[in-house]
């Protein structure tokens, strides 16, 4: 994924930093460049990200989290 993203205009021009972009999407380096990672390791990362997103969504629906993109 990172090889592809490096060719995206916003990354090439420095409008987006990889770390900021990944953090906003709850991604770790291993998601965008999983070289050498075992499938079990990636599965655990995906499951942890899924759980974090579900928690944020529940918090938002319950009113304990507010939007930060406005």
PDB file of N, CA and C in Angstrom:
ATOM      1  N   UNK A   1       0.822  -1.185   0.000  1.00  0.00           N
ATOM      2  CA  UNK A   1       0.000   0.000   0.000  1.00  0.00           C
ATOM      3  C   UNK A   1       0.875   1.261   0.000  1.00  0.00           C
ATOM      4  N   UNK A   2       1.946   1.244   0.788  1.00  0.00           N
ATOM      5  CA  UNK A   2       2.772   2.447   0.862  1.00  0.00           C
ATOM      6  C   UNK A   2       3.437   2.746  -0.471  1.00  0.00           C
ATOM      7  N   UNK A   3       3.828   1.725  -1.212  1.00  0.00           N
ATOM      8  CA  UNK A   3       4.414   1.944  -2.539  1.00  0.00           C
ATOM      9  C   UNK A   3       3.417   2.686  -3.431  1.00  0.00           C
ATOM     10  N   UNK A   4       2.145   2.343  -3.331  1.00  0.00           N
ATOM     11  CA  UNK A   4       1.110   3.032  -4.093  1.00  0.00           C
ATOM     12  C   UNK A   4       0.920   4.459  -3.576  1.00  0.00           C
ATOM     13  N   UNK A   5       0.804   4.613  -2.269  1.00  0.00           N
ATOM     14  CA  UNK A   5       0.535   5.937  -1.695  1.00  0.00           C
ATOM     15  C   UNK A   5       1.650   6.938  -1.981  1.00  0.00           C
ATOM     16  N   UNK A   6       2.863   6.461  -2.113  1.00  0.00           N
ATOM     17  CA  UNK A   6       3.969   7.367  -2.414  1.00  0.00           C
ATOM     18  C   UNK A   6       3.789   8.052  -3.761  1.00  0.00           C
ATOM     19  N   UNK A   7       3.013   7.447  -4.639  1.00  0.00           N
ATOM     20  CA  UNK A   7       2.748   8.044  -5.945  1.00  0.00           C
ATOM     21  C   UNK A   7       1.503   8.916  -5.964  1.00  0.00           C
ATOM     22  N   UNK A   8       0.767   8.971  -4.864  1.00  0.00           N
ATOM     23  CA  UNK A   8      -0.418   9.816  -4.772  1.00  0.00           C
ATOM     24  C   UNK A   8       0.029  11.272  -4.622  1.00  0.00           C
ATOM     25  N   UNK A   9      -0.584  12.154  -5.378  1.00  0.00           N
ATOM     26  CA  UNK A   9      -0.185  13.563  -5.457  1.00  0.00           C
ATOM     27  C   UNK A   9      -0.013  14.209  -4.080  1.00  0.00           C
ATOM     28  N   UNK A  10      -0.970  14.025  -3.194  1.00  0.00           N
ATOM     29  CA  UNK A  10      -0.918  14.688  -1.888  1.00  0.00           C
ATOM     30  C   UNK A  10       0.283  14.241  -1.062  1.00  0.00           C
ATOM     31  N   UNK A  11       0.660  12.993  -1.180  1.00  0.00           N
ATOM     32  CA  UNK A  11       1.844  12.517  -0.462  1.00  0.00           C
ATOM     33  C   UNK A  11       3.114  13.011  -1.147  1.00  0.00           C
ATOM     34  N   UNK A  12       3.125  12.980  -2.470  1.00  0.00           N
ATOM     35  CA  UNK A  12       4.296  13.462  -3.213  1.00  0.00           C
ATOM     36  C   UNK A  12       4.586  14.930  -2.912  1.00  0.00           C
ATOM     37  N   UNK A  13       3.526  15.722  -2.814  1.00  0.00           N
ATOM     38  CA  UNK A  13       3.674  17.156  -2.594  1.00  0.00           C
ATOM     39  C   UNK A  13       3.868  17.510  -1.114  1.00  0.00           C
ATOM     40  N   UNK A  14       3.773  16.539  -0.250  1.00  0.00           N
ATOM     41  CA  UNK A  14       3.964  16.792   1.180  1.00  0.00           C
ATOM     42  C   UNK A  14       2.739  17.343   1.872  1.00  0.00           C
ATOM     43  N   UNK A  15       1.564  17.249   1.234  1.00  0.00           N
ATOM     44  CA  UNK A  15       0.328  17.728   1.861  1.00  0.00           C
ATOM     45  C   UNK A  15      -0.109  16.809   2.997  1.00  0.00           C
ATOM     46  N   UNK A  16       0.199  15.522   2.857  1.00  0.00           N
ATOM     47  CA  UNK A  16      -0.120  14.539   3.886  1.00  0.00           C
ATOM     48  C   UNK A  16       1.168  13.889   4.353  1.00  0.00           C
ATOM     49  N   UNK A  17       1.293  13.736   5.638  1.00  0.00           N
ATOM     50  CA  UNK A  17       2.400  12.962   6.201  1.00  0.00           C
ATOM     51  C   UNK A  17       1.887  11.549   6.455  1.00  0.00           C
ATOM     52  N   UNK A  18       2.710  10.593   6.147  1.00  0.00           N
ATOM     53  CA  UNK A  18       2.282   9.201   6.314  1.00  0.00           C
ATOM     54  C   UNK A  18       1.784   8.932   7.732  1.00  0.00           C
ATOM     55  N   UNK A  19       2.530   9.359   8.724  1.00  0.00           N
ATOM     56  CA  UNK A  19       2.152   9.079  10.116  1.00  0.00           C
ATOM     57  C   UNK A  19       0.831   9.733  10.497  1.00  0.00           C
ATOM     58  N   UNK A  20       0.609  10.967  10.060  1.00  0.00           N
ATOM     59  CA  UNK A  20      -0.652  11.653  10.358  1.00  0.00           C
ATOM     60  C   UNK A  20      -1.823  10.958   9.678  1.00  0.00           C
ATOM     61  N   UNK A  21      -1.630  10.593   8.412  1.00  0.00           N
ATOM     62  CA  UNK A  21      -2.681   9.931   7.642  1.00  0.00           C
ATOM     63  C   UNK A  21      -3.034   8.584   8.285  1.00  0.00           C
ATOM     64  N   UNK A  22      -2.008   7.824   8.638  1.00  0.00           N
ATOM     65  CA  UNK A  22      -2.243   6.533   9.269  1.00  0.00           C
ATOM     66  C   UNK A  22      -2.938   6.691  10.610  1.00  0.00           C
ATOM     67  N   UNK A  23      -2.520   7.644  11.408  1.00  0.00           N
ATOM     68  CA  UNK A  23      -3.143   7.855  12.719  1.00  0.00           C
ATOM     69  C   UNK A  23      -4.618   8.205  12.590  1.00  0.00           C
ATOM     70  N   UNK A  24      -4.938   9.034  11.612  1.00  0.00           N
ATOM     71  CA  UNK A  24      -6.334   9.433  11.407  1.00  0.00           C
ATOM     72  C   UNK A  24      -7.217   8.246  11.046  1.00  0.00           C
ATOM     73  N   UNK A  25      -6.621   7.235  10.433  1.00  0.00           N
ATOM     74  CA  UNK A  25      -7.378   6.053  10.017  1.00  0.00           C
ATOM     75  C   UNK A  25      -7.144   4.848  10.931  1.00  0.00           C
ATOM     76  N   UNK A  26      -6.496   5.089  12.071  1.00  0.00           N
ATOM     77  CA  UNK A  26      -6.157   4.029  13.025  1.00  0.00           C
ATOM     78  C   UNK A  26      -5.345   2.917  12.366  1.00  0.00           C
ATOM     79  N   UNK A  27      -4.393   3.313  11.549  1.00  0.00           N
ATOM     80  CA  UNK A  27      -3.519   2.366  10.867  1.00  0.00           C
ATOM     81  C   UNK A  27      -2.117   2.430  11.472  1.00  0.00           C
ATOM     82  N   UNK A  28      -1.452   1.313  11.465  1.00  0.00           N
ATOM     83  CA  UNK A  28      -0.053   1.259  11.878  1.00  0.00           C
ATOM     84  C   UNK A  28       0.800   1.043  10.636  1.00  0.00           C
ATOM     85  N   UNK A  29       2.094   1.216  10.779  1.00  0.00           N
ATOM     86  CA  UNK A  29       3.005   1.006   9.654  1.00  0.00           C
ATOM     87  C   UNK A  29       2.813  -0.365   9.012  1.00  0.00           C
ATOM     88  N   UNK A  30       2.515  -1.352   9.846  1.00  0.00           N
ATOM     89  CA  UNK A  30       2.367  -2.709   9.328  1.00  0.00           C
ATOM     90  C   UNK A  30       1.176  -2.863   8.379  1.00  0.00           C
ATOM     91  N   UNK A  31       0.222  -1.957   8.435  1.00  0.00           N
ATOM     92  CA  UNK A  31      -0.899  -2.001   7.495  1.00  0.00           C
ATOM     93  C   UNK A  31      -0.473  -1.499   6.115  1.00  0.00           C
ATOM     94  N   UNK A  32       0.342  -0.479   6.090  1.00  0.00           N
ATOM     95  CA  UNK A  32       0.712   0.109   4.806  1.00  0.00           C
ATOM     96  C   UNK A  32       1.993  -0.482   4.229  1.00  0.00           C
ATOM     97  N   UNK A  33       2.777  -1.165   5.071  1.00  0.00           N
ATOM     98  CA  UNK A  33       3.977  -1.843   4.573  1.00  0.00           C
ATOM     99  C   UNK A  33       4.203  -3.097   5.429  1.00  0.00           C
ATOM    100  N   UNK A  34       3.434  -4.154   5.143  1.00  0.00           N
ATOM    101  CA  UNK A  34       3.475  -5.351   5.991  1.00  0.00           C
ATOM    102  C   UNK A  34       4.618  -6.314   5.681  1.00  0.00           C
ATOM    103  N   UNK A  35       5.652  -5.847   5.026  1.00  0.00           N
ATOM    104  CA  UNK A  35       6.762  -6.710   4.618  1.00  0.00           C
ATOM    105  C   UNK A  35       7.277  -7.533   5.799  1.00  0.00           C
ATOM    106  N   UNK A  36       7.340  -8.842   5.607  1.00  0.00           N
ATOM    107  CA  UNK A  36       7.901  -9.721   6.620  1.00  0.00           C
ATOM    108  C   UNK A  36       6.960 -10.093   7.744  1.00  0.00           C
ATOM    109  N   UNK A  37       5.757  -9.571   7.748  1.00  0.00           N
ATOM    110  CA  UNK A  37       4.804  -9.896   8.818  1.00  0.00           C
ATOM    111  C   UNK A  37       4.080 -11.192   8.489  1.00  0.00           C
ATOM    112  N   UNK A  38       3.824 -11.961   9.508  1.00  0.00           N
ATOM    113  CA  UNK A  38       3.068 -13.194   9.343  1.00  0.00           C
ATOM    114  C   UNK A  38       1.578 -12.870   9.267  1.00  0.00           C
ATOM    115  N   UNK A  39       0.848 -13.728   8.597  1.00  0.00           N
ATOM    116  CA  UNK A  39      -0.588 -13.530   8.458  1.00  0.00           C
ATOM    117  C   UNK A  39      -1.261 -13.433   9.827  1.00  0.00           C
ATOM    118  N   UNK A  40      -0.826 -14.231  10.770  1.00  0.00           N
ATOM    119  CA  UNK A  40      -1.408 -14.187  12.118  1.00  0.00           C
ATOM    120  C   UNK A  40      -1.172 -12.828  12.774  1.00  0.00           C
ATOM    121  N   UNK A  41      -0.001 -12.238  12.549  1.00  0.00           N
ATOM    122  CA  UNK A  41       0.286 -10.905  13.107  1.00  0.00           C
ATOM    123  C   UNK A  41      -0.628  -9.857  12.483  1.00  0.00           C
ATOM    124  N   UNK A  42      -0.796  -9.929  11.176  1.00  0.00           N
ATOM    125  CA  UNK A  42      -1.666  -8.970  10.491  1.00  0.00           C
ATOM    126  C   UNK A  42      -3.118  -9.149  10.924  1.00  0.00           C
ATOM    127  N   UNK A  43      -3.522 -10.386  11.102  1.00  0.00           N
ATOM    128  CA  UNK A  43      -4.896 -10.655  11.554  1.00  0.00           C
ATOM    129  C   UNK A  43      -5.128 -10.024  12.929  1.00  0.00           C
ATOM    130  N   UNK A  44      -4.168 -10.159  13.827  1.00  0.00           N
ATOM    131  CA  UNK A  44      -4.290  -9.565  15.164  1.00  0.00           C
ATOM    132  C   UNK A  44      -4.369  -8.045  15.074  1.00  0.00           C
ATOM    133  N   UNK A  45      -3.584  -7.436  14.200  1.00  0.00           N
ATOM    134  CA  UNK A  45      -3.627  -5.982  14.015  1.00  0.00           C
ATOM    135  C   UNK A  45      -4.991  -5.540  13.477  1.00  0.00           C
ATOM    136  N   UNK A  46      -5.504  -6.290  12.524  1.00  0.00           N
ATOM    137  CA  UNK A  46      -6.812  -5.967  11.944  1.00  0.00           C
ATOM    138  C   UNK A  46      -7.904  -6.083  13.002  1.00  0.00           C
ATOM    139  N   UNK A  47      -7.842  -7.118  13.803  1.00  0.00           N
ATOM    140  CA  UNK A  47      -8.843  -7.297  14.856  1.00  0.00           C
ATOM    141  C   UNK A  47      -8.771  -6.186  15.902  1.00  0.00           C
ATOM    142  N   UNK A  48      -7.569  -5.772  16.251  1.00  0.00           N
ATOM    143  CA  UNK A  48      -7.410  -4.679  17.223  1.00  0.00           C
ATOM    144  C   UNK A  48      -7.946  -3.370  16.642  1.00  0.00           C
ATOM    145  N   UNK A  49      -7.671  -3.113  15.372  1.00  0.00           N
ATOM    146  CA  UNK A  49      -8.179  -1.897  14.716  1.00  0.00           C
ATOM    147  C   UNK A  49      -9.695  -1.936  14.646  1.00  0.00           C
ATOM    148  N   UNK A  50     -10.255  -3.079  14.306  1.00  0.00           N
ATOM    149  CA  UNK A  50     -11.703  -3.238  14.240  1.00  0.00           C
ATOM    150  C   UNK A  50     -12.341  -2.931  15.598  1.00  0.00           C
ATOM    151  N   UNK A  51     -11.753  -3.456  16.656  1.00  0.00           N
ATOM    152  CA  UNK A  51     -12.270  -3.217  18.005  1.00  0.00           C
ATOM    153  C   UNK A  51     -12.199  -1.736  18.368  1.00  0.00           C
ATOM    154  N   UNK A  52     -11.099  -1.075  18.013  1.00  0.00           N
ATOM    155  CA  UNK A  52     -10.951   0.354  18.322  1.00  0.00           C
ATOM    156  C   UNK A  52     -11.982   1.182  17.558  1.00  0.00           C
ATOM    157  N   UNK A  53     -12.212   0.852  16.307  1.00  0.00           N
ATOM    158  CA  UNK A  53     -13.198   1.590  15.511  1.00  0.00           C
ATOM    159  C   UNK A  53     -14.600   1.367  16.066  1.00  0.00           C
ATOM    160  N   UNK A  54     -14.908   0.141  16.437  1.00  0.00           N
ATOM    161  CA  UNK A  54     -16.228  -0.156  17.007  1.00  0.00           C
ATOM    162  C   UNK A  54     -16.442   0.611  18.310  1.00  0.00           C
ATOM    163  N   UNK A  55     -15.406   0.691  19.133  1.00  0.00           N
ATOM    164  CA  UNK A  55     -15.505   1.442  20.393  1.00  0.00           C
ATOM    165  C   UNK A  55     -15.758   2.916  20.116  1.00  0.00           C
ATOM    166  N   UNK A  56     -15.018   3.495  19.164  1.00  0.00           N
ATOM    167  CA  UNK A  56     -15.233   4.900  18.817  1.00  0.00           C
ATOM    168  C   UNK A  56     -16.644   5.136  18.297  1.00  0.00           C
ATOM    169  N   UNK A  57     -17.140   4.223  17.484  1.00  0.00           N
ATOM    170  CA  UNK A  57     -18.486   4.364  16.945  1.00  0.00           C
ATOM    171  C   UNK A  57     -19.531   4.287  18.049  1.00  0.00           C
ATOM    172  N   UNK A  58     -19.384   3.341  18.970  1.00  0.00           N
ATOM    173  CA  UNK A  58     -20.315   3.247  20.102  1.00  0.00           C
ATOM    174  C   UNK A  58     -20.275   4.523  20.932  1.00  0.00           C
ATOM    175  N   UNK A  59     -19.077   5.026  21.190  1.00  0.00           N
ATOM    176  CA  UNK A  59     -18.940   6.263  21.959  1.00  0.00           C
ATOM    177  C   UNK A  59     -19.625   7.425  21.252  1.00  0.00           C
ATOM    178  N   UNK A  60     -19.492   7.498  19.949  1.00  0.00           N
ATOM    179  CA  UNK A  60     -20.117   8.569  19.185  1.00  0.00           C
ATOM    180  C   UNK A  60     -21.635   8.454  19.254  1.00  0.00           C
ATOM    181  N   UNK A  61     -22.152   7.257  19.069  1.00  0.00           N
ATOM    182  CA  UNK A  61     -23.600   7.047  19.104  1.00  0.00           C
ATOM    183  C   UNK A  61     -24.146   7.360  20.488  1.00  0.00           C
ATOM    184  N   UNK A  62     -23.405   7.015  21.527  1.00  0.00           N
ATOM    185  CA  UNK A  62     -23.835   7.278  22.900  1.00  0.00           C
ATOM    186  C   UNK A  62     -23.650   8.732  23.319  1.00  0.00           C
ATOM    187  N   UNK A  63     -22.977   9.522  22.498  1.00  0.00           N
ATOM    188  CA  UNK A  63     -22.785  10.933  22.789  1.00  0.00           C
ATOM    189  C   UNK A  63     -21.559  11.260  23.612  1.00  0.00           C
ATOM    190  N   UNK A  64     -20.710  10.275  23.885  1.00  0.00           N
ATOM    191  CA  UNK A  64     -19.514  10.556  24.679  1.00  0.00           C
ATOM    192  C   UNK A  64     -18.309  10.898  23.820  1.00  0.00           C
ATOM    193  N   UNK A  65     -18.484  10.924  22.501  1.00  0.00           N
ATOM    194  CA  UNK A  65     -17.409  11.302  21.577  1.00  0.00           C
ATOM    195  C   UNK A  65     -18.017  12.270  20.568  1.00  0.00           C
ATOM    196  N   UNK A  66     -17.272  13.306  20.249  1.00  0.00           N
ATOM    197  CA  UNK A  66     -17.767  14.267  19.278  1.00  0.00           C
ATOM    198  C   UNK A  66     -16.923  14.199  18.006  1.00  0.00           C
ATOM    199  N   UNK A  67     -17.490  14.684  16.924  1.00  0.00           N
ATOM    200  CA  UNK A  67     -16.771  14.705  15.653  1.00  0.00           C
ATOM    201  C   UNK A  67     -15.595  15.679  15.743  1.00  0.00           C
ATOM    202  N   UNK A  68     -14.510  15.301  15.120  1.00  0.00           N
ATOM    203  CA  UNK A  68     -13.328  16.172  15.115  1.00  0.00           C
ATOM    204  C   UNK A  68     -13.035  16.700  13.715  1.00  0.00           C
ATOM    205  N   UNK A  69     -13.856  16.329  12.752  1.00  0.00           N
ATOM    206  CA  UNK A  69     -13.605  16.744  11.378  1.00  0.00           C
ATOM    207  C   UNK A  69     -14.339  18.010  10.982  1.00  0.00           C
ATOM    208  N   UNK A  70     -15.039  18.599  11.887  1.00  0.00           N
ATOM    209  CA  UNK A  70     -15.778  19.830  11.571  1.00  0.00           C
ATOM    210  C   UNK A  70     -15.013  21.068  11.958  1.00  0.00           C
TER     211      UNK A  70
END
